């Protein structure tokens, strides 16, 4: 027998000496984890997105079940409330686009719900009630899971002040009444006067654009008989324009040209009447008036209260009744 030590239980073979711990088997990554490792964002983001997607799918299934499959309404509401108790209920409202109208009005409409559970918030109803507000031209309402309601507002833009039945109102370019205006806080906007004058704001703007030099001098415009305009200038004179958009445009351009050469505005005249094509009648103050009219050598010919100006494009004739409408 040699010097090798034979241990009991294993005749003829020496038992190897074991040193250190045995290595644990290597766990293989799941396919989901391997795929997530290739994405440019953390795994937590993926898991959260999957969770939100599942909830969104659940909300959709509930809505479809209640609406299309004829499930009892109470069962659908109960399921939606369960989703809300799980954390998917409105806790925040984000409003964008607000400038002039009251922000609290939007909050009050958005929170006026039978339930604040996300699946039960009626987005179409919220939008419809927002669109009924005078200042709101467009509204978009959406959910952002888990707990935020997004409200995006497009406001109307003030374009003029409308005076009707001794009331002043701020209106937009389409004539929509936005809010009352105090006489002590008049905004720097055109003044339109008369019944239904608010509905003529856009045509008036187009008309004034034909004579850009006169536009800043116009203090107000009266819609007469629902058919034509009287323009009142900041210097106090009134210009009576004819009916019809084209005739009014031609008359205004002609007046702008005469004013550019004869300096009509600011010289004490009372009224310019261009209602009849081919005629241009000027009304001056009564002789007893204290106002003095500066009359240079190139001024139009005047005759008492009614005067006539000969234009190169029109034969002047007739008189002025002084009533503003004849």
C-alpha atoms as a PDB file:
ATOM      1  CA  UNK A   1       0.000   0.000   0.000  1.00  0.00           C
ATOM      2  CA  UNK A   2       1.372   3.350  -0.996  1.00  0.00           C
ATOM      3  CA  UNK A   3       1.333   6.563   0.954  1.00  0.00           C
ATOM      4  CA  UNK A   4      -1.989   7.796  -0.591  1.00  0.00           C
ATOM      5  CA  UNK A   5      -4.713   8.138   1.987  1.00  0.00           C
ATOM      6  CA  UNK A   6      -7.850   6.255   1.139  1.00  0.00           C
ATOM      7  CA  UNK A   7     -10.913   7.643   2.852  1.00  0.00           C
ATOM      8  CA  UNK A   8     -13.621   5.421   4.127  1.00  0.00           C
ATOM      9  CA  UNK A   9     -16.594   4.974   1.866  1.00  0.00           C
ATOM     10  CA  UNK A  10     -14.632   5.608  -1.362  1.00  0.00           C
ATOM     11  CA  UNK A  11     -12.193   2.726  -1.781  1.00  0.00           C
ATOM     12  CA  UNK A  12      -9.408   3.274  -4.145  1.00  0.00           C
ATOM     13  CA  UNK A  13     -10.194   6.989  -4.851  1.00  0.00           C
ATOM     14  CA  UNK A  14      -9.083  10.081  -2.985  1.00  0.00           C
ATOM     15  CA  UNK A  15     -11.873  12.631  -2.298  1.00  0.00           C
ATOM     16  CA  UNK A  16     -10.929  16.064  -3.655  1.00  0.00           C
ATOM     17  CA  UNK A  17     -10.703  18.876  -1.167  1.00  0.00           C
ATOM     18  CA  UNK A  18     -13.384  21.559  -1.710  1.00  0.00           C
ATOM     19  CA  UNK A  19     -12.357  25.149  -1.086  1.00  0.00           C
ATOM     20  CA  UNK A  20     -14.744  28.215  -1.199  1.00  0.00           C
ATOM     21  CA  UNK A  21     -18.518  28.435  -1.836  1.00  0.00           C
ATOM     22  CA  UNK A  22     -20.303  26.801  -4.687  1.00  0.00           C
ATOM     23  CA  UNK A  23     -21.346  29.346  -7.404  1.00  0.00           C
ATOM     24  CA  UNK A  24     -25.075  30.071  -7.741  1.00  0.00           C
ATOM     25  CA  UNK A  25     -26.587  29.417 -11.156  1.00  0.00           C
ATOM     26  CA  UNK A  26     -26.790  32.525 -13.403  1.00  0.00           C
ATOM     27  CA  UNK A  27     -30.359  33.763 -13.926  1.00  0.00           C
ATOM     28  CA  UNK A  28     -31.291  34.589 -17.485  1.00  0.00           C
ATOM     29  CA  UNK A  29     -32.986  37.974 -18.168  1.00  0.00           C
ATOM     30  CA  UNK A  30     -36.577  37.923 -19.277  1.00  0.00           C
ATOM     31  CA  UNK A  31     -37.429  39.039 -22.788  1.00  0.00           C
ATOM     32  CA  UNK A  32     -39.201  42.153 -21.372  1.00  0.00           C
ATOM     33  CA  UNK A  33     -36.157  43.180 -19.342  1.00  0.00           C
ATOM     34  CA  UNK A  34     -33.834  42.605 -22.302  1.00  0.00           C
ATOM     35  CA  UNK A  35     -36.024  44.694 -24.565  1.00  0.00           C
ATOM     36  CA  UNK A  36     -36.356  47.446 -21.947  1.00  0.00           C
ATOM     37  CA  UNK A  37     -32.573  47.637 -21.621  1.00  0.00           C
ATOM     38  CA  UNK A  38     -32.351  48.686 -25.262  1.00  0.00           C
ATOM     39  CA  UNK A  39     -34.741  51.643 -24.787  1.00  0.00           C
ATOM     40  CA  UNK A  40     -33.337  55.192 -24.313  1.00  0.00           C
ATOM     41  CA  UNK A  41     -35.365  55.785 -21.115  1.00  0.00           C
ATOM     42  CA  UNK A  42     -35.496  54.030 -17.705  1.00  0.00           C
ATOM     43  CA  UNK A  43     -37.486  50.876 -17.073  1.00  0.00           C
ATOM     44  CA  UNK A  44     -39.648  52.734 -14.511  1.00  0.00           C
ATOM     45  CA  UNK A  45     -40.993  54.986 -17.267  1.00  0.00           C
ATOM     46  CA  UNK A  46     -41.948  51.948 -19.330  1.00  0.00           C
ATOM     47  CA  UNK A  47     -43.739  50.357 -16.386  1.00  0.00           C
ATOM     48  CA  UNK A  48     -45.646  53.567 -15.608  1.00  0.00           C
ATOM     49  CA  UNK A  49     -46.667  53.976 -19.240  1.00  0.00           C
ATOM     50  CA  UNK A  50     -47.889  50.404 -19.349  1.00  0.00           C
ATOM     51  CA  UNK A  51     -49.871  51.008 -16.171  1.00  0.00           C
ATOM     52  CA  UNK A  52     -51.485  54.168 -17.545  1.00  0.00           C
ATOM     53  CA  UNK A  53     -52.213  52.423 -20.803  1.00  0.00           C
ATOM     54  CA  UNK A  54     -53.959  49.623 -18.973  1.00  0.00           C
ATOM     55  CA  UNK A  55     -56.082  52.107 -17.021  1.00  0.00           C
ATOM     56  CA  UNK A  56     -56.904  54.042 -20.182  1.00  0.00           C
ATOM     57  CA  UNK A  57     -57.919  50.776 -21.833  1.00  0.00           C
ATOM     58  CA  UNK A  58     -60.061  49.996 -18.824  1.00  0.00           C
ATOM     59  CA  UNK A  59     -61.765  53.395 -19.049  1.00  0.00           C
ATOM     60  CA  UNK A  60     -62.466  52.776 -22.718  1.00  0.00           C
ATOM     61  CA  UNK A  61     -63.876  49.328 -22.029  1.00  0.00           C
ATOM     62  CA  UNK A  62     -66.160  50.741 -19.350  1.00  0.00           C
ATOM     63  CA  UNK A  63     -67.403  53.480 -21.677  1.00  0.00           C
ATOM     64  CA  UNK A  64     -68.035  50.990 -24.467  1.00  0.00           C
ATOM     65  CA  UNK A  65     -69.780  48.607 -22.117  1.00  0.00           C
ATOM     66  CA  UNK A  66     -72.104  51.246 -20.751  1.00  0.00           C
ATOM     67  CA  UNK A  67     -72.828  52.915 -24.087  1.00  0.00           C
ATOM     68  CA  UNK A  68     -72.884  50.154 -26.655  1.00  0.00           C
ATOM     69  CA  UNK A  69     -73.345  46.861 -24.875  1.00  0.00           C
ATOM     70  CA  UNK A  70     -76.336  47.963 -22.843  1.00  0.00           C
ATOM     71  CA  UNK A  71     -74.824  47.260 -19.420  1.00  0.00           C
ATOM     72  CA  UNK A  72     -76.871  48.665 -16.560  1.00  0.00           C
ATOM     73  CA  UNK A  73     -75.928  52.254 -15.874  1.00  0.00           C
ATOM     74  CA  UNK A  74     -75.390  51.678 -12.182  1.00  0.00           C
ATOM     75  CA  UNK A  75     -72.878  48.924 -12.912  1.00  0.00           C
ATOM     76  CA  UNK A  76     -70.947  51.173 -15.287  1.00  0.00           C
ATOM     77  CA  UNK A  77     -70.911  54.053 -12.808  1.00  0.00           C
ATOM     78  CA  UNK A  78     -69.769  51.744 -10.037  1.00  0.00           C
ATOM     79  CA  UNK A  79     -66.912  50.474 -12.166  1.00  0.00           C
ATOM     80  CA  UNK A  80     -65.894  54.042 -13.042  1.00  0.00           C
ATOM     81  CA  UNK A  81     -66.015  55.080  -9.396  1.00  0.00           C
ATOM     82  CA  UNK A  82     -63.771  52.134  -8.564  1.00  0.00           C
ATOM     83  CA  UNK A  83     -61.243  53.420 -11.097  1.00  0.00           C
ATOM     84  CA  UNK A  84     -61.495  56.862  -9.476  1.00  0.00           C
ATOM     85  CA  UNK A  85     -60.843  55.456  -6.001  1.00  0.00           C
ATOM     86  CA  UNK A  86     -57.758  53.769  -7.390  1.00  0.00           C
ATOM     87  CA  UNK A  87     -56.279  57.266  -7.891  1.00  0.00           C
ATOM     88  CA  UNK A  88     -57.686  58.216 -11.291  1.00  0.00           C
ATOM     89  CA  UNK A  89     -59.868  61.163 -10.330  1.00  0.00           C
ATOM     90  CA  UNK A  90     -59.606  64.878 -11.107  1.00  0.00           C
ATOM     91  CA  UNK A  91     -57.364  66.618  -8.592  1.00  0.00           C
ATOM     92  CA  UNK A  92     -55.848  69.326 -10.802  1.00  0.00           C
ATOM     93  CA  UNK A  93     -57.182  71.542 -13.586  1.00  0.00           C
ATOM     94  CA  UNK A  94     -54.720  73.237 -15.927  1.00  0.00           C
ATOM     95  CA  UNK A  95     -56.144  76.204 -17.880  1.00  0.00           C
ATOM     96  CA  UNK A  96     -54.250  77.869 -20.733  1.00  0.00           C
ATOM     97  CA  UNK A  97     -55.158  80.752 -23.053  1.00  0.00           C
ATOM     98  CA  UNK A  98     -56.926  82.898 -20.427  1.00  0.00           C
ATOM     99  CA  UNK A  99     -56.284  86.649 -20.626  1.00  0.00           C
ATOM    100  CA  UNK A 100     -59.433  88.737 -20.213  1.00  0.00           C
ATOM    101  CA  UNK A 101     -62.142  86.448 -18.807  1.00  0.00           C
ATOM    102  CA  UNK A 102     -62.398  85.239 -15.211  1.00  0.00           C
ATOM    103  CA  UNK A 103     -60.297  82.132 -14.585  1.00  0.00           C
ATOM    104  CA  UNK A 104     -62.560  81.050 -11.729  1.00  0.00           C
ATOM    105  CA  UNK A 105     -65.460  80.779 -14.184  1.00  0.00           C
ATOM    106  CA  UNK A 106     -63.538  78.088 -16.096  1.00  0.00           C
ATOM    107  CA  UNK A 107     -62.697  76.236 -12.863  1.00  0.00           C
ATOM    108  CA  UNK A 108     -66.332  76.330 -11.754  1.00  0.00           C
ATOM    109  CA  UNK A 109     -67.545  74.844 -15.042  1.00  0.00           C
ATOM    110  CA  UNK A 110     -64.860  72.144 -15.116  1.00  0.00           C
ATOM    111  CA  UNK A 111     -65.559  71.006 -11.544  1.00  0.00           C
ATOM    112  CA  UNK A 112     -69.350  71.045 -11.849  1.00  0.00           C
ATOM    113  CA  UNK A 113     -69.572  67.257 -12.198  1.00  0.00           C
ATOM    114  CA  UNK A 114     -71.622  64.549 -10.491  1.00  0.00           C
ATOM    115  CA  UNK A 115     -68.383  62.647  -9.984  1.00  0.00           C
ATOM    116  CA  UNK A 116     -64.733  63.632 -10.353  1.00  0.00           C
ATOM    117  CA  UNK A 117     -63.705  60.093 -11.346  1.00  0.00           C
ATOM    118  CA  UNK A 118     -61.830  60.396 -14.637  1.00  0.00           C
ATOM    119  CA  UNK A 119     -64.118  58.028 -16.610  1.00  0.00           C
ATOM    120  CA  UNK A 120     -67.228  59.975 -15.529  1.00  0.00           C
ATOM    121  CA  UNK A 121     -66.061  63.483 -16.490  1.00  0.00           C
ATOM    122  CA  UNK A 122     -68.147  64.492 -19.517  1.00  0.00           C
ATOM    123  CA  UNK A 123     -65.634  66.328 -21.697  1.00  0.00           C
ATOM    124  CA  UNK A 124     -68.218  67.300 -24.334  1.00  0.00           C
ATOM    125  CA  UNK A 125     -70.502  68.784 -21.697  1.00  0.00           C
ATOM    126  CA  UNK A 126     -67.654  70.811 -20.185  1.00  0.00           C
ATOM    127  CA  UNK A 127     -66.665  72.117 -23.613  1.00  0.00           C
ATOM    128  CA  UNK A 128     -70.268  72.987 -24.497  1.00  0.00           C
ATOM    129  CA  UNK A 129     -70.738  75.054 -21.350  1.00  0.00           C
ATOM    130  CA  UNK A 130     -67.419  76.800 -21.899  1.00  0.00           C
ATOM    131  CA  UNK A 131     -68.397  77.685 -25.471  1.00  0.00           C
ATOM    132  CA  UNK A 132     -71.508  79.406 -24.085  1.00  0.00           C
ATOM    133  CA  UNK A 133     -69.282  81.991 -22.380  1.00  0.00           C
ATOM    134  CA  UNK A 134     -69.077  85.272 -24.373  1.00  0.00           C
ATOM    135  CA  UNK A 135     -65.282  85.582 -24.188  1.00  0.00           C
ATOM    136  CA  UNK A 136     -64.564  82.041 -25.419  1.00  0.00           C
ATOM    137  CA  UNK A 137     -64.215  81.537 -29.178  1.00  0.00           C
ATOM    138  CA  UNK A 138     -62.894  77.944 -28.923  1.00  0.00           C
ATOM    139  CA  UNK A 139     -62.258  75.457 -26.111  1.00  0.00           C
ATOM    140  CA  UNK A 140     -60.523  72.074 -25.967  1.00  0.00           C
ATOM    141  CA  UNK A 141     -60.917  69.768 -22.957  1.00  0.00           C
ATOM    142  CA  UNK A 142     -58.916  66.572 -22.401  1.00  0.00           C
ATOM    143  CA  UNK A 143     -57.702  64.206 -19.703  1.00  0.00           C
ATOM    144  CA  UNK A 144     -54.118  63.682 -18.626  1.00  0.00           C
ATOM    145  CA  UNK A 145     -53.834  60.607 -16.474  1.00  0.00           C
ATOM    146  CA  UNK A 146     -53.842  60.030 -13.645  1.00  0.00           C
ATOM    147  CA  UNK A 147     -55.528  63.134 -12.167  1.00  0.00           C
ATOM    148  CA  UNK A 148     -55.375  66.241 -14.411  1.00  0.00           C
ATOM    149  CA  UNK A 149     -57.997  67.897 -16.596  1.00  0.00           C
ATOM    150  CA  UNK A 150     -56.577  70.085 -19.381  1.00  0.00           C
ATOM    151  CA  UNK A 151     -58.581  73.094 -20.620  1.00  0.00           C
ATOM    152  CA  UNK A 152     -57.214  75.121 -23.534  1.00  0.00           C
ATOM    153  CA  UNK A 153     -59.073  78.386 -24.240  1.00  0.00           C
ATOM    154  CA  UNK A 154     -59.029  80.639 -27.307  1.00  0.00           C
ATOM    155  CA  UNK A 155     -60.450  84.039 -26.358  1.00  0.00           C
ATOM    156  CA  UNK A 156     -62.264  86.509 -28.573  1.00  0.00           C
ATOM    157  CA  UNK A 157     -60.472  89.784 -29.315  1.00  0.00           C
ATOM    158  CA  UNK A 158     -62.205  93.109 -28.610  1.00  0.00           C
ATOM    159  CA  UNK A 159     -62.690  95.103 -31.822  1.00  0.00           C
ATOM    160  CA  UNK A 160     -65.083  97.962 -30.984  1.00  0.00           C
ATOM    161  CA  UNK A 161     -67.502  99.457 -28.472  1.00  0.00           C
ATOM    162  CA  UNK A 162     -71.183  99.228 -29.398  1.00  0.00           C
ATOM    163  CA  UNK A 163     -73.656 101.856 -28.225  1.00  0.00           C
ATOM    164  CA  UNK A 164     -77.298 100.827 -28.382  1.00  0.00           C
ATOM    165  CA  UNK A 165     -80.285 101.902 -26.267  1.00  0.00           C
ATOM    166  CA  UNK A 166     -78.000 104.024 -24.100  1.00  0.00           C
ATOM    167  CA  UNK A 167     -75.859 100.987 -23.231  1.00  0.00           C
ATOM    168  CA  UNK A 168     -72.167 100.513 -24.020  1.00  0.00           C
ATOM    169  CA  UNK A 169     -70.815  97.021 -24.727  1.00  0.00           C
ATOM    170  CA  UNK A 170     -67.459  95.620 -25.758  1.00  0.00           C
ATOM    171  CA  UNK A 171     -67.764  93.534 -28.939  1.00  0.00           C
ATOM    172  CA  UNK A 172     -65.460  91.413 -31.095  1.00  0.00           C
ATOM    173  CA  UNK A 173     -64.976  91.571 -34.852  1.00  0.00           C
ATOM    174  CA  UNK A 174     -68.095  89.450 -35.448  1.00  0.00           C
ATOM    175  CA  UNK A 175     -70.298  91.632 -33.249  1.00  0.00           C
ATOM    176  CA  UNK A 176     -70.449  89.214 -30.296  1.00  0.00           C
ATOM    177  CA  UNK A 177     -71.095  91.144 -27.079  1.00  0.00           C
ATOM    178  CA  UNK A 178     -68.289  90.424 -24.614  1.00  0.00           C
ATOM    179  CA  UNK A 179     -69.060  92.561 -21.567  1.00  0.00           C
ATOM    180  CA  UNK A 180     -70.566  95.928 -20.546  1.00  0.00           C
ATOM    181  CA  UNK A 181     -68.374  99.025 -20.727  1.00  0.00           C
ATOM    182  CA  UNK A 182     -68.441 101.926 -18.304  1.00  0.00           C
ATOM    183  CA  UNK A 183     -68.490 105.428 -19.866  1.00  0.00           C
ATOM    184  CA  UNK A 184     -65.692 106.340 -17.453  1.00  0.00           C
ATOM    185  CA  UNK A 185     -63.448 103.531 -18.735  1.00  0.00           C
ATOM    186  CA  UNK A 186     -63.841 103.619 -22.495  1.00  0.00           C
ATOM    187  CA  UNK A 187     -61.146 101.577 -24.259  1.00  0.00           C
ATOM    188  CA  UNK A 188     -59.242 102.981 -27.198  1.00  0.00           C
ATOM    189  CA  UNK A 189     -61.461 101.258 -29.773  1.00  0.00           C
ATOM    190  CA  UNK A 190     -63.854 102.447 -32.491  1.00  0.00           C
ATOM    191  CA  UNK A 191     -67.390 103.321 -31.396  1.00  0.00           C
ATOM    192  CA  UNK A 192     -70.292 101.937 -33.450  1.00  0.00           C
ATOM    193  CA  UNK A 193     -73.757 103.313 -32.781  1.00  0.00           C
ATOM    194  CA  UNK A 194     -77.232 102.136 -33.595  1.00  0.00           C
ATOM    195  CA  UNK A 195     -79.402  98.999 -33.721  1.00  0.00           C
ATOM    196  CA  UNK A 196     -77.548  96.045 -35.277  1.00  0.00           C
ATOM    197  CA  UNK A 197     -74.433  98.181 -35.717  1.00  0.00           C
ATOM    198  CA  UNK A 198     -72.476  95.479 -33.881  1.00  0.00           C
ATOM    199  CA  UNK A 199     -73.146  93.092 -36.785  1.00  0.00           C
ATOM    200  CA  UNK A 200     -71.567  95.578 -39.214  1.00  0.00           C
ATOM    201  CA  UNK A 201     -68.188  95.810 -37.461  1.00  0.00           C
ATOM    202  CA  UNK A 202     -66.342  93.682 -40.006  1.00  0.00           C
ATOM    203  CA  UNK A 203     -67.771  95.532 -43.057  1.00  0.00           C
ATOM    204  CA  UNK A 204     -66.922  98.858 -41.374  1.00  0.00           C
ATOM    205  CA  UNK A 205     -63.331  97.760 -40.900  1.00  0.00           C
ATOM    206  CA  UNK A 206     -63.145  96.813 -44.583  1.00  0.00           C
ATOM    207  CA  UNK A 207     -64.639 100.175 -45.551  1.00  0.00           C
ATOM    208  CA  UNK A 208     -62.142 102.185 -43.492  1.00  0.00           C
ATOM    209  CA  UNK A 209     -59.243 100.211 -44.929  1.00  0.00           C
ATOM    210  CA  UNK A 210     -60.027 101.836 -48.298  1.00  0.00           C
ATOM    211  CA  UNK A 211     -58.844 105.184 -46.879  1.00  0.00           C
ATOM    212  CA  UNK A 212     -56.024 104.405 -44.421  1.00  0.00           C
ATOM    213  CA  UNK A 213     -55.258 108.074 -43.795  1.00  0.00           C
ATOM    214  CA  UNK A 214     -58.781 108.713 -42.469  1.00  0.00           C
ATOM    215  CA  UNK A 215     -59.065 105.601 -40.302  1.00  0.00           C
ATOM    216  CA  UNK A 216     -57.194 106.984 -37.251  1.00  0.00           C
ATOM    217  CA  UNK A 217     -59.275 110.195 -37.428  1.00  0.00           C
ATOM    218  CA  UNK A 218     -62.641 108.388 -37.100  1.00  0.00           C
ATOM    219  CA  UNK A 219     -64.032 108.629 -33.572  1.00  0.00           C
ATOM    220  CA  UNK A 220     -67.262 106.754 -34.201  1.00  0.00           C
ATOM    221  CA  UNK A 221     -69.661 105.406 -36.796  1.00  0.00           C
ATOM    222  CA  UNK A 222     -73.469 105.372 -36.738  1.00  0.00           C
ATOM    223  CA  UNK A 223     -75.343 102.656 -38.631  1.00  0.00           C
ATOM    224  CA  UNK A 224     -78.329 104.602 -40.024  1.00  0.00           C
ATOM    225  CA  UNK A 225     -81.554 102.865 -40.962  1.00  0.00           C
ATOM    226  CA  UNK A 226     -79.767  99.511 -41.107  1.00  0.00           C
ATOM    227  CA  UNK A 227     -78.400 100.475 -44.537  1.00  0.00           C
ATOM    228  CA  UNK A 228     -75.582 103.057 -44.428  1.00  0.00           C
ATOM    229  CA  UNK A 229     -72.913 104.791 -42.281  1.00  0.00           C
ATOM    230  CA  UNK A 230     -72.427 108.247 -40.815  1.00  0.00           C
ATOM    231  CA  UNK A 231     -68.773 108.663 -39.820  1.00  0.00           C
ATOM    232  CA  UNK A 232     -67.896 111.079 -37.015  1.00  0.00           C
ATOM    233  CA  UNK A 233     -64.349 112.405 -36.946  1.00  0.00           C
ATOM    234  CA  UNK A 234     -62.329 113.341 -33.873  1.00  0.00           C
ATOM    235  CA  UNK A 235     -62.375 116.974 -35.033  1.00  0.00           C
ATOM    236  CA  UNK A 236     -66.182 116.984 -34.747  1.00  0.00           C
ATOM    237  CA  UNK A 237     -67.397 116.716 -38.350  1.00  0.00           C
ATOM    238  CA  UNK A 238     -69.773 114.053 -39.688  1.00  0.00           C
ATOM    239  CA  UNK A 239     -69.515 112.409 -43.095  1.00  0.00           C
ATOM    240  CA  UNK A 240     -72.744 110.889 -44.484  1.00  0.00           C
ATOM    241  CA  UNK A 241     -71.936 108.009 -46.832  1.00  0.00           C
ATOM    242  CA  UNK A 242     -74.303 106.459 -49.385  1.00  0.00           C
ATOM    243  CA  UNK A 243     -75.906 103.018 -49.203  1.00  0.00           C
ATOM    244  CA  UNK A 244     -74.126  99.971 -50.571  1.00  0.00           C
ATOM    245  CA  UNK A 245     -70.609  98.791 -49.823  1.00  0.00           C
ATOM    246  CA  UNK A 246     -69.185  99.771 -53.213  1.00  0.00           C
ATOM    247  CA  UNK A 247     -70.769 103.246 -53.317  1.00  0.00           C
ATOM    248  CA  UNK A 248     -69.691 103.937 -49.733  1.00  0.00           C
ATOM    249  CA  UNK A 249     -66.149 102.865 -50.534  1.00  0.00           C
ATOM    250  CA  UNK A 250     -65.972 105.117 -53.613  1.00  0.00           C
ATOM    251  CA  UNK A 251     -67.365 108.089 -51.651  1.00  0.00           C
ATOM    252  CA  UNK A 252     -64.922 107.624 -48.779  1.00  0.00           C
ATOM    253  CA  UNK A 253     -61.919 107.426 -51.112  1.00  0.00           C
ATOM    254  CA  UNK A 254     -63.121 110.590 -52.881  1.00  0.00           C
ATOM    255  CA  UNK A 255     -63.519 112.400 -49.548  1.00  0.00           C
ATOM    256  CA  UNK A 256     -60.014 111.357 -48.504  1.00  0.00           C
ATOM    257  CA  UNK A 257     -58.624 112.771 -51.741  1.00  0.00           C
ATOM    258  CA  UNK A 258     -60.467 116.112 -51.317  1.00  0.00           C
ATOM    259  CA  UNK A 259     -59.398 116.357 -47.674  1.00  0.00           C
ATOM    260  CA  UNK A 260     -55.814 115.781 -48.755  1.00  0.00           C
ATOM    261  CA  UNK A 261     -55.918 118.817 -51.067  1.00  0.00           C
ATOM    262  CA  UNK A 262     -58.506 121.126 -49.455  1.00  0.00           C
ATOM    263  CA  UNK A 263     -57.916 120.354 -45.758  1.00  0.00           C
ATOM    264  CA  UNK A 264     -61.580 119.882 -44.869  1.00  0.00           C
ATOM    265  CA  UNK A 265     -61.239 118.350 -41.396  1.00  0.00           C
ATOM    266  CA  UNK A 266     -60.496 120.581 -38.456  1.00  0.00           C
ATOM    267  CA  UNK A 267     -61.672 123.840 -40.050  1.00  0.00           C
ATOM    268  CA  UNK A 268     -65.060 124.174 -38.368  1.00  0.00           C
ATOM    269  CA  UNK A 269     -67.392 122.495 -40.852  1.00  0.00           C
ATOM    270  CA  UNK A 270     -70.330 120.598 -39.400  1.00  0.00           C
ATOM    271  CA  UNK A 271     -71.294 117.946 -41.923  1.00  0.00           C
ATOM    272  CA  UNK A 272     -70.271 116.540 -45.283  1.00  0.00           C
ATOM    273  CA  UNK A 273     -73.052 114.842 -47.241  1.00  0.00           C
ATOM    274  CA  UNK A 274     -72.170 112.360 -49.985  1.00  0.00           C
ATOM    275  CA  UNK A 275     -75.344 110.270 -49.895  1.00  0.00           C
ATOM    276  CA  UNK A 276     -76.270 111.176 -53.477  1.00  0.00           C
ATOM    277  CA  UNK A 277     -73.668 110.033 -56.051  1.00  0.00           C
ATOM    278  CA  UNK A 278     -72.182 112.997 -57.903  1.00  0.00           C
ATOM    279  CA  UNK A 279     -73.044 115.490 -55.131  1.00  0.00           C
ATOM    280  CA  UNK A 280     -70.869 116.731 -52.275  1.00  0.00           C
ATOM    281  CA  UNK A 281     -72.695 119.062 -49.889  1.00  0.00           C
ATOM    282  CA  UNK A 282     -71.056 120.854 -46.983  1.00  0.00           C
ATOM    283  CA  UNK A 283     -72.909 122.173 -43.951  1.00  0.00           C
ATOM    284  CA  UNK A 284     -71.373 125.052 -41.955  1.00  0.00           C
ATOM    285  CA  UNK A 285     -72.420 126.447 -38.551  1.00  0.00           C
ATOM    286  CA  UNK A 286     -75.173 129.111 -38.383  1.00  0.00           C
ATOM    287  CA  UNK A 287     -74.055 132.695 -38.925  1.00  0.00           C
ATOM    288  CA  UNK A 288     -74.864 133.451 -35.309  1.00  0.00           C
ATOM    289  CA  UNK A 289     -72.502 130.733 -34.092  1.00  0.00           C
ATOM    290  CA  UNK A 290     -69.384 131.899 -32.335  1.00  0.00           C
ATOM    291  CA  UNK A 291     -67.217 129.356 -34.121  1.00  0.00           C
ATOM    292  CA  UNK A 292     -65.021 131.018 -36.702  1.00  0.00           C
ATOM    293  CA  UNK A 293     -64.176 129.100 -39.849  1.00  0.00           C
ATOM    294  CA  UNK A 294     -60.738 129.678 -41.282  1.00  0.00           C
ATOM    295  CA  UNK A 295     -61.312 130.398 -44.965  1.00  0.00           C
ATOM    296  CA  UNK A 296     -58.132 130.606 -47.025  1.00  0.00           C
ATOM    297  CA  UNK A 297     -58.206 131.583 -50.667  1.00  0.00           C
ATOM    298  CA  UNK A 298     -58.385 127.944 -51.823  1.00  0.00           C
ATOM    299  CA  UNK A 299     -61.252 126.965 -49.488  1.00  0.00           C
ATOM    300  CA  UNK A 300     -64.492 125.487 -50.853  1.00  0.00           C
ATOM    301  CA  UNK A 301     -67.278 127.899 -51.649  1.00  0.00           C
ATOM    302  CA  UNK A 302     -69.750 128.304 -48.771  1.00  0.00           C
ATOM    303  CA  UNK A 303     -73.253 129.753 -48.771  1.00  0.00           C
ATOM    304  CA  UNK A 304     -74.916 130.207 -45.403  1.00  0.00           C
ATOM    305  CA  UNK A 305     -75.603 126.908 -43.660  1.00  0.00           C
ATOM    306  CA  UNK A 306     -75.299 124.885 -46.835  1.00  0.00           C
ATOM    307  CA  UNK A 307     -72.368 125.083 -49.185  1.00  0.00           C
ATOM    308  CA  UNK A 308     -71.216 123.279 -52.321  1.00  0.00           C
ATOM    309  CA  UNK A 309     -67.810 122.034 -53.384  1.00  0.00           C
ATOM    310  CA  UNK A 310     -67.072 121.425 -57.019  1.00  0.00           C
ATOM    311  CA  UNK A 311     -65.138 118.193 -57.429  1.00  0.00           C
ATOM    312  CA  UNK A 312     -63.262 117.279 -60.568  1.00  0.00           C
ATOM    313  CA  UNK A 313     -65.195 114.005 -60.717  1.00  0.00           C
ATOM    314  CA  UNK A 314     -68.648 115.241 -59.709  1.00  0.00           C
ATOM    315  CA  UNK A 315     -71.088 118.002 -60.519  1.00  0.00           C
ATOM    316  CA  UNK A 316     -72.074 119.705 -57.273  1.00  0.00           C
ATOM    317  CA  UNK A 317     -75.639 120.817 -56.781  1.00  0.00           C
ATOM    318  CA  UNK A 318     -78.539 120.659 -54.379  1.00  0.00           C
ATOM    319  CA  UNK A 319     -78.710 121.712 -50.771  1.00  0.00           C
ATOM    320  CA  UNK A 320     -78.531 120.299 -47.273  1.00  0.00           C
ATOM    321  CA  UNK A 321     -81.545 119.786 -45.097  1.00  0.00           C
ATOM    322  CA  UNK A 322     -79.399 119.594 -41.988  1.00  0.00           C
ATOM    323  CA  UNK A 323     -81.283 116.650 -40.498  1.00  0.00           C
ATOM    324  CA  UNK A 324     -78.677 114.011 -41.210  1.00  0.00           C
ATOM    325  CA  UNK A 325     -81.098 111.792 -43.145  1.00  0.00           C
ATOM    326  CA  UNK A 326     -83.200 112.723 -46.131  1.00  0.00           C
END
